[in-house]
PDB file of N, CA and C in Angstrom:
ATOM      1  N   MET A   1      10.066  18.482  37.605  1.00  0.00           N
ATOM      2  CA  MET A   1       8.934  18.588  36.704  1.00  0.00           C
ATOM      3  C   MET A   1       7.646  18.430  37.511  1.00  0.00           C
ATOM      4  N   ALA A   2       6.663  19.250  37.249  1.00  0.00           N
ATOM      5  CA  ALA A   2       5.425  19.288  38.022  1.00  0.00           C
ATOM      6  C   ALA A   2       4.571  18.028  37.865  1.00  0.00           C
ATOM      7  N   THR A   3       4.687  17.322  36.759  1.00  0.00           N
ATOM      8  CA  THR A   3       3.832  16.153  36.531  1.00  0.00           C
ATOM      9  C   THR A   3       4.557  14.834  36.775  1.00  0.00           C
ATOM     10  N   GLN A   4       5.791  14.875  37.229  1.00  0.00           N
ATOM     11  CA  GLN A   4       6.557  13.647  37.425  1.00  0.00           C
ATOM     12  C   GLN A   4       5.840  12.718  38.402  1.00  0.00           C
ATOM     13  N   GLY A   5       5.635  11.473  37.997  1.00  0.00           N
ATOM     14  CA  GLY A   5       4.984  10.481  38.824  1.00  0.00           C
ATOM     15  C   GLY A   5       3.468  10.609  38.908  1.00  0.00           C
ATOM     16  N   GLN A   6       2.889  11.497  38.121  1.00  0.00           N
ATOM     17  CA  GLN A   6       1.451  11.720  38.175  1.00  0.00           C
ATOM     18  C   GLN A   6       0.767  11.310  36.878  1.00  0.00           C
ATOM     19  N   VAL A   7      -0.518  10.962  36.984  1.00  0.00           N
ATOM     20  CA  VAL A   7      -1.354  10.748  35.801  1.00  0.00           C
ATOM     21  C   VAL A   7      -1.621  12.116  35.196  1.00  0.00           C
ATOM     22  N   ILE A   8      -1.525  12.221  33.861  1.00  0.00           N
ATOM     23  CA  ILE A   8      -1.817  13.486  33.193  1.00  0.00           C
ATOM     24  C   ILE A   8      -2.997  13.296  32.242  1.00  0.00           C
ATOM     25  N   THR A   9      -3.677  14.390  31.938  1.00  0.00           N
ATOM     26  CA  THR A   9      -4.790  14.378  30.987  1.00  0.00           C
ATOM     27  C   THR A   9      -4.317  15.035  29.705  1.00  0.00           C
ATOM     28  N   CYS A  10      -4.525  14.350  28.590  1.00  0.00           N
ATOM     29  CA  CYS A  10      -4.111  14.847  27.271  1.00  0.00           C
ATOM     30  C   CYS A  10      -5.284  14.749  26.303  1.00  0.00           C
ATOM     31  N   LYS A  11      -5.188  15.486  25.222  1.00  0.00           N
ATOM     32  CA  LYS A  11      -6.165  15.338  24.141  1.00  0.00           C
ATOM     33  C   LYS A  11      -5.597  14.375  23.115  1.00  0.00           C
ATOM     34  N   ALA A  12      -6.477  13.532  22.566  1.00  0.00           N
ATOM     35  CA  ALA A  12      -6.056  12.548  21.574  1.00  0.00           C
ATOM     36  C   ALA A  12      -7.128  12.422  20.502  1.00  0.00           C
ATOM     37  N   ALA A  13      -6.697  12.182  19.276  1.00  0.00           N
ATOM     38  CA  ALA A  13      -7.617  11.863  18.190  1.00  0.00           C
ATOM     39  C   ALA A  13      -7.835  10.357  18.238  1.00  0.00           C
ATOM     40  N   VAL A  14      -9.068   9.939  18.532  1.00  0.00           N
ATOM     41  CA  VAL A  14      -9.376   8.522  18.711  1.00  0.00           C
ATOM     42  C   VAL A  14     -10.284   8.065  17.578  1.00  0.00           C
ATOM     43  N   ALA A  15      -9.862   7.027  16.875  1.00  0.00           N
ATOM     44  CA  ALA A  15     -10.662   6.442  15.796  1.00  0.00           C
ATOM     45  C   ALA A  15     -11.358   5.212  16.359  1.00  0.00           C
ATOM     46  N   TRP A  16     -12.674   5.294  16.552  1.00  0.00           N
ATOM     47  CA  TRP A  16     -13.430   4.189  17.129  1.00  0.00           C
ATOM     48  C   TRP A  16     -13.894   3.189  16.086  1.00  0.00           C
ATOM     49  N   GLU A  17     -14.003   3.612  14.811  1.00  0.00           N
ATOM     50  CA  GLU A  17     -14.417   2.678  13.769  1.00  0.00           C
ATOM     51  C   GLU A  17     -13.982   3.202  12.404  1.00  0.00           C
ATOM     52  N   PRO A  18     -13.845   2.293  11.424  1.00  0.00           N
ATOM     53  CA  PRO A  18     -13.429   2.702  10.085  1.00  0.00           C
ATOM     54  C   PRO A  18     -14.469   3.593   9.417  1.00  0.00           C
ATOM     55  N   ASN A  19     -14.015   4.371   8.478  1.00  0.00           N
ATOM     56  CA  ASN A  19     -14.855   5.250   7.655  1.00  0.00           C
ATOM     57  C   ASN A  19     -15.590   6.322   8.459  1.00  0.00           C
ATOM     58  N   LYS A  20     -15.116   6.594   9.659  1.00  0.00           N
ATOM     59  CA  LYS A  20     -15.636   7.682  10.484  1.00  0.00           C
ATOM     60  C   LYS A  20     -14.448   8.544  10.898  1.00  0.00           C
ATOM     61  N   PRO A  21     -14.638   9.835  10.968  1.00  0.00           N
ATOM     62  CA  PRO A  21     -13.512  10.682  11.375  1.00  0.00           C
ATOM     63  C   PRO A  21     -13.116  10.440  12.830  1.00  0.00           C
ATOM     64  N   PRO A  22     -11.842  10.592  13.139  1.00  0.00           N
ATOM     65  CA  PRO A  22     -11.420  10.476  14.534  1.00  0.00           C
ATOM     66  C   PRO A  22     -12.097  11.551  15.384  1.00  0.00           C
ATOM     67  N   VAL A  23     -12.269  11.259  16.655  1.00  0.00           N
ATOM     68  CA  VAL A  23     -12.903  12.164  17.602  1.00  0.00           C
ATOM     69  C   VAL A  23     -11.828  12.657  18.575  1.00  0.00           C
ATOM     70  N   ILE A  24     -11.812  13.961  18.848  1.00  0.00           N
ATOM     71  CA  ILE A  24     -10.870  14.491  19.826  1.00  0.00           C
ATOM     72  C   ILE A  24     -11.453  14.237  21.215  1.00  0.00           C
ATOM     73  N   GLU A  25     -10.692  13.477  22.030  1.00  0.00           N
ATOM     74  CA  GLU A  25     -11.136  13.130  23.374  1.00  0.00           C
ATOM     75  C   GLU A  25     -10.014  13.400  24.361  1.00  0.00           C
ATOM     76  N   GLU A  26     -10.393  13.591  25.606  1.00  0.00           N
ATOM     77  CA  GLU A  26      -9.392  13.683  26.660  1.00  0.00           C
ATOM     78  C   GLU A  26      -9.116  12.273  27.158  1.00  0.00           C
ATOM     79  N   VAL A  27      -7.829  11.938  27.297  1.00  0.00           N
ATOM     80  CA  VAL A  27      -7.421  10.621  27.767  1.00  0.00           C
ATOM     81  C   VAL A  27      -6.501  10.791  28.964  1.00  0.00           C
ATOM     82  N   GLN A  28      -6.522   9.814  29.846  1.00  0.00           N
ATOM     83  CA  GLN A  28      -5.649   9.793  31.013  1.00  0.00           C
ATOM     84  C   GLN A  28      -4.407   8.985  30.655  1.00  0.00           C
ATOM     85  N   VAL A  29      -3.238   9.539  30.944  1.00  0.00           N
ATOM     86  CA  VAL A  29      -1.977   8.863  30.649  1.00  0.00           C
ATOM     87  C   VAL A  29      -1.252   8.616  31.975  1.00  0.00           C
ATOM     88  N   ALA A  30      -1.003   7.356  32.267  1.00  0.00           N
ATOM     89  CA  ALA A  30      -0.328   6.975  33.504  1.00  0.00           C
ATOM     90  C   ALA A  30       1.127   7.413  33.467  1.00  0.00           C
ATOM     91  N   PRO A  31       1.752   7.576  34.616  1.00  0.00           N
ATOM     92  CA  PRO A  31       3.177   7.911  34.634  1.00  0.00           C
ATOM     93  C   PRO A  31       3.995   6.761  34.048  1.00  0.00           C
ATOM     94  N   PRO A  32       5.160   7.071  33.521  1.00  0.00           N
ATOM     95  CA  PRO A  32       5.999   6.019  32.940  1.00  0.00           C
ATOM     96  C   PRO A  32       6.393   4.971  33.986  1.00  0.00           C
ATOM     97  N   GLN A  33       6.481   3.744  33.531  1.00  0.00           N
ATOM     98  CA  GLN A  33       6.941   2.637  34.373  1.00  0.00           C
ATOM     99  C   GLN A  33       8.434   2.420  34.109  1.00  0.00           C
ATOM    100  N   ALA A  34       9.006   1.438  34.749  1.00  0.00           N
ATOM    101  CA  ALA A  34      10.430   1.132  34.579  1.00  0.00           C
ATOM    102  C   ALA A  34      10.751   0.913  33.103  1.00  0.00           C
ATOM    103  N   GLY A  35      11.774   1.571  32.590  1.00  0.00           N
ATOM    104  CA  GLY A  35      12.188   1.425  31.195  1.00  0.00           C
ATOM    105  C   GLY A  35      11.387   2.262  30.228  1.00  0.00           C
ATOM    106  N   GLU A  36      10.472   3.107  30.706  1.00  0.00           N
ATOM    107  CA  GLU A  36       9.648   3.966  29.853  1.00  0.00           C
ATOM    108  C   GLU A  36       9.960   5.433  30.131  1.00  0.00           C
ATOM    109  N   VAL A  37       9.638   6.275  29.181  1.00  0.00           N
ATOM    110  CA  VAL A  37       9.761   7.721  29.359  1.00  0.00           C
ATOM    111  C   VAL A  37       8.482   8.381  28.870  1.00  0.00           C
ATOM    112  N   ARG A  38       8.200   9.567  29.356  1.00  0.00           N
ATOM    113  CA  ARG A  38       7.067  10.356  28.884  1.00  0.00           C
ATOM    114  C   ARG A  38       7.635  11.473  28.022  1.00  0.00           C
ATOM    115  N   VAL A  39       7.103  11.617  26.818  1.00  0.00           N
ATOM    116  CA  VAL A  39       7.555  12.681  25.927  1.00  0.00           C
ATOM    117  C   VAL A  39       6.384  13.599  25.606  1.00  0.00           C
ATOM    118  N   LYS A  40       6.691  14.857  25.407  1.00  0.00           N
ATOM    119  CA  LYS A  40       5.656  15.828  25.056  1.00  0.00           C
ATOM    120  C   LYS A  40       5.613  15.937  23.538  1.00  0.00           C
ATOM    121  N   ILE A  41       4.471  15.619  22.952  1.00  0.00           N
ATOM    122  CA  ILE A  41       4.279  15.702  21.509  1.00  0.00           C
ATOM    123  C   ILE A  41       3.715  17.079  21.188  1.00  0.00           C
ATOM    124  N   LEU A  42       4.418  17.837  20.367  1.00  0.00           N
ATOM    125  CA  LEU A  42       3.956  19.177  20.008  1.00  0.00           C
ATOM    126  C   LEU A  42       3.212  19.190  18.681  1.00  0.00           C
ATOM    127  N   PHE A  43       3.640  18.354  17.738  1.00  0.00           N
ATOM    128  CA  PHE A  43       3.025  18.293  16.415  1.00  0.00           C
ATOM    129  C   PHE A  43       2.998  16.836  15.971  1.00  0.00           C
ATOM    130  N   THR A  44       1.963  16.481  15.228  1.00  0.00           N
ATOM    131  CA  THR A  44       1.867  15.123  14.710  1.00  0.00           C
ATOM    132  C   THR A  44       1.050  15.137  13.425  1.00  0.00           C
ATOM    133  N   ALA A  45       1.039  14.037  12.734  1.00  0.00           N
ATOM    134  CA  ALA A  45       0.264  13.929  11.495  1.00  0.00           C
ATOM    135  C   ALA A  45      -0.100  12.457  11.292  1.00  0.00           C
ATOM    136  N   LEU A  46      -1.029  12.204  10.393  1.00  0.00           N
ATOM    137  CA  LEU A  46      -1.381  10.837  10.031  1.00  0.00           C
ATOM    138  C   LEU A  46      -0.470  10.371   8.908  1.00  0.00           C
ATOM    139  N   CYS A  47      -0.024   9.148   8.998  1.00  0.00           N
ATOM    140  CA  CYS A  47       0.762   8.579   7.906  1.00  0.00           C
ATOM    141  C   CYS A  47      -0.186   7.855   6.944  1.00  0.00           C
ATOM    142  N   HIS A  48       0.351   7.382   5.835  1.00  0.00           N
ATOM    143  CA  HIS A  48      -0.445   6.691   4.825  1.00  0.00           C
ATOM    144  C   HIS A  48      -1.155   5.470   5.416  1.00  0.00           C
ATOM    145  N   THR A  49      -0.453   4.718   6.276  1.00  0.00           N
ATOM    146  CA  THR A  49      -1.054   3.534   6.881  1.00  0.00           C
ATOM    147  C   THR A  49      -2.233   3.909   7.773  1.00  0.00           C
ATOM    148  N   ASP A  50      -2.106   5.012   8.518  1.00  0.00           N
ATOM    149  CA  ASP A  50      -3.224   5.481   9.344  1.00  0.00           C
ATOM    150  C   ASP A  50      -4.438   5.783   8.469  1.00  0.00           C
ATOM    151  N   ALA A  51      -4.229   6.531   7.406  1.00  0.00           N
ATOM    152  CA  ALA A  51      -5.326   6.896   6.517  1.00  0.00           C
ATOM    153  C   ALA A  51      -5.930   5.655   5.865  1.00  0.00           C
ATOM    154  N   TYR A  52      -5.094   4.714   5.470  1.00  0.00           N
ATOM    155  CA  TYR A  52      -5.540   3.467   4.853  1.00  0.00           C
ATOM    156  C   TYR A  52      -6.418   2.683   5.827  1.00  0.00           C
ATOM    157  N   THR A  53      -5.980   2.587   7.086  1.00  0.00           N
ATOM    158  CA  THR A  53      -6.720   1.874   8.119  1.00  0.00           C
ATOM    159  C   THR A  53      -8.038   2.572   8.426  1.00  0.00           C
ATOM    160  N   LEU A  54      -8.006   3.890   8.583  1.00  0.00           N
ATOM    161  CA  LEU A  54      -9.225   4.645   8.871  1.00  0.00           C
ATOM    162  C   LEU A  54     -10.239   4.520   7.749  1.00  0.00           C
ATOM    163  N   GLY A  55      -9.769   4.307   6.523  1.00  0.00           N
ATOM    164  CA  GLY A  55     -10.662   4.156   5.389  1.00  0.00           C
ATOM    165  C   GLY A  55     -11.287   2.781   5.292  1.00  0.00           C
ATOM    166  N   GLY A  56     -10.991   1.889   6.259  1.00  0.00           N
ATOM    167  CA  GLY A  56     -11.606   0.569   6.284  1.00  0.00           C
ATOM    168  C   GLY A  56     -10.902  -0.468   5.439  1.00  0.00           C
ATOM    169  N   LYS A  57      -9.705  -0.167   4.928  1.00  0.00           N
ATOM    170  CA  LYS A  57      -8.985  -1.117   4.080  1.00  0.00           C
ATOM    171  C   LYS A  57      -8.337  -2.233   4.895  1.00  0.00           C
ATOM    172  N   ILE A  58      -8.077  -1.969   6.181  1.00  0.00           N
ATOM    173  CA  ILE A  58      -7.520  -2.975   7.085  1.00  0.00           C
ATOM    174  C   ILE A  58      -8.544  -3.171   8.193  1.00  0.00           C
ATOM    175  N   THR A  59      -8.828  -4.413   8.525  1.00  0.00           N
ATOM    176  CA  THR A  59      -9.760  -4.692   9.606  1.00  0.00           C
ATOM    177  C   THR A  59      -9.066  -4.421  10.933  1.00  0.00           C
ATOM    178  N   VAL A  60      -9.692  -3.597  11.752  1.00  0.00           N
ATOM    179  CA  VAL A  60      -9.134  -3.262  13.056  1.00  0.00           C
ATOM    180  C   VAL A  60     -10.133  -3.644  14.129  1.00  0.00           C
ATOM    181  N   GLU A  61      -9.691  -4.431  15.071  1.00  0.00           N
ATOM    182  CA  GLU A  61     -10.542  -4.813  16.195  1.00  0.00           C
ATOM    183  C   GLU A  61     -10.033  -4.070  17.419  1.00  0.00           C
ATOM    184  N   ALA A  62     -10.667  -2.957  17.753  1.00  0.00           N
ATOM    185  CA  ALA A  62     -10.240  -2.146  18.892  1.00  0.00           C
ATOM    186  C   ALA A  62     -10.676  -2.805  20.179  1.00  0.00           C
ATOM    187  N   GLN A  63      -9.776  -2.819  21.135  1.00  0.00           N
ATOM    188  CA  GLN A  63     -10.094  -3.339  22.448  1.00  0.00           C
ATOM    189  C   GLN A  63     -10.062  -2.176  23.419  1.00  0.00           C
ATOM    190  N   ASP A  64     -11.206  -1.791  23.919  1.00  0.00           N
ATOM    191  CA  ASP A  64     -11.339  -0.650  24.807  1.00  0.00           C
ATOM    192  C   ASP A  64     -11.093  -1.100  26.242  1.00  0.00           C
ATOM    193  N   HIS A  65     -10.051  -0.564  26.853  1.00  0.00           N
ATOM    194  CA  HIS A  65      -9.684  -0.945  28.208  1.00  0.00           C
ATOM    195  C   HIS A  65      -9.954   0.174  29.207  1.00  0.00           C
ATOM    196  N   ARG A  66     -10.925   1.046  28.922  1.00  0.00           N
ATOM    197  CA  ARG A  66     -11.145   2.196  29.789  1.00  0.00           C
ATOM    198  C   ARG A  66     -11.618   1.817  31.188  1.00  0.00           C
ATOM    199  N   ASP A  67     -12.129   0.613  31.390  1.00  0.00           N
ATOM    200  CA  ASP A  67     -12.604   0.218  32.712  1.00  0.00           C
ATOM    201  C   ASP A  67     -11.559  -0.571  33.501  1.00  0.00           C
ATOM    202  N   THR A  68     -10.354  -0.680  32.970  1.00  0.00           N
ATOM    203  CA  THR A  68      -9.302  -1.415  33.656  1.00  0.00           C
ATOM    204  C   THR A  68      -8.363  -0.429  34.341  1.00  0.00           C
ATOM    205  N   PRO A  69      -7.520  -0.898  35.262  1.00  0.00           N
ATOM    206  CA  PRO A  69      -6.594   0.013  35.947  1.00  0.00           C
ATOM    207  C   PRO A  69      -5.684   0.793  34.997  1.00  0.00           C
ATOM    208  N   SER A  70      -5.314   0.215  33.862  1.00  0.00           N
ATOM    209  CA  SER A  70      -4.481   0.917  32.885  1.00  0.00           C
ATOM    210  C   SER A  70      -5.389   1.567  31.852  1.00  0.00           C
ATOM    211  N   SER A  71      -6.126   2.578  32.263  1.00  0.00           N
ATOM    212  CA  SER A  71      -7.190   3.133  31.428  1.00  0.00           C
ATOM    213  C   SER A  71      -6.683   3.807  30.162  1.00  0.00           C
ATOM    214  N   GLN A  72      -5.395   4.085  30.054  1.00  0.00           N
ATOM    215  CA  GLN A  72      -4.896   4.722  28.846  1.00  0.00           C
ATOM    216  C   GLN A  72      -4.607   3.710  27.736  1.00  0.00           C
ATOM    217  N   ASP A  73      -4.725   2.411  28.026  1.00  0.00           N
ATOM    218  CA  ASP A  73      -4.390   1.381  27.048  1.00  0.00           C
ATOM    219  C   ASP A  73      -5.553   1.074  26.121  1.00  0.00           C
ATOM    220  N   ILE A  74      -5.386   1.330  24.857  1.00  0.00           N
ATOM    221  CA  ILE A  74      -6.324   0.867  23.844  1.00  0.00           C
ATOM    222  C   ILE A  74      -5.467   0.201  22.782  1.00  0.00           C
ATOM    223  N   SER A  75      -5.670  -1.073  22.551  1.00  0.00           N
ATOM    224  CA  SER A  75      -4.831  -1.793  21.601  1.00  0.00           C
ATOM    225  C   SER A  75      -5.588  -2.016  20.299  1.00  0.00           C
ATOM    226  N   PHE A  76      -4.857  -2.046  19.210  1.00  0.00           N
ATOM    227  CA  PHE A  76      -5.435  -2.209  17.882  1.00  0.00           C
ATOM    228  C   PHE A  76      -4.725  -3.339  17.140  1.00  0.00           C
ATOM    229  N   PRO A  77      -5.156  -4.583  17.321  1.00  0.00           N
ATOM    230  CA  PRO A  77      -4.562  -5.665  16.537  1.00  0.00           C
ATOM    231  C   PRO A  77      -5.056  -5.584  15.097  1.00  0.00           C
ATOM    232  N   TYR A  78      -4.157  -5.542  14.153  1.00  0.00           N
ATOM    233  CA  TYR A  78      -4.513  -5.400  12.738  1.00  0.00           C
ATOM    234  C   TYR A  78      -4.650  -6.781  12.094  1.00  0.00           C
ATOM    235  N   SER A  79      -5.577  -6.891  11.150  1.00  0.00           N
ATOM    236  CA  SER A  79      -5.629  -8.086  10.316  1.00  0.00           C
ATOM    237  C   SER A  79      -5.943  -7.640   8.890  1.00  0.00           C
ATOM    238  N   PHE A  80      -5.269  -8.232   7.952  1.00  0.00           N
ATOM    239  CA  PHE A  80      -5.449  -7.863   6.550  1.00  0.00           C
ATOM    240  C   PHE A  80      -6.428  -8.803   5.878  1.00  0.00           C
ATOM    241  N   PRO A  81      -7.391  -8.233   5.118  1.00  0.00           N
ATOM    242  CA  PRO A  81      -8.385  -9.079   4.460  1.00  0.00           C
ATOM    243  C   PRO A  81      -7.771  -9.961   3.395  1.00  0.00           C
TER     244      PRO A  81
END
């Protein structure tokens, strides 16, 4: 495979804050580590929980890690009001 062991660039829908539409951005994805695999996603959709969260019903505190060595990591700890 041509990308094996390499960082790849992908497009992702990123939700930076509630009640705003997700933004299509290019993200860097690191190669898989031990016990991980890389899969190619061809089609996807939002589930009810995604839509509920994007609508501001669940408080989401996004932690942007773009300046760290694992730049593809953005974590979303959820808390319910």
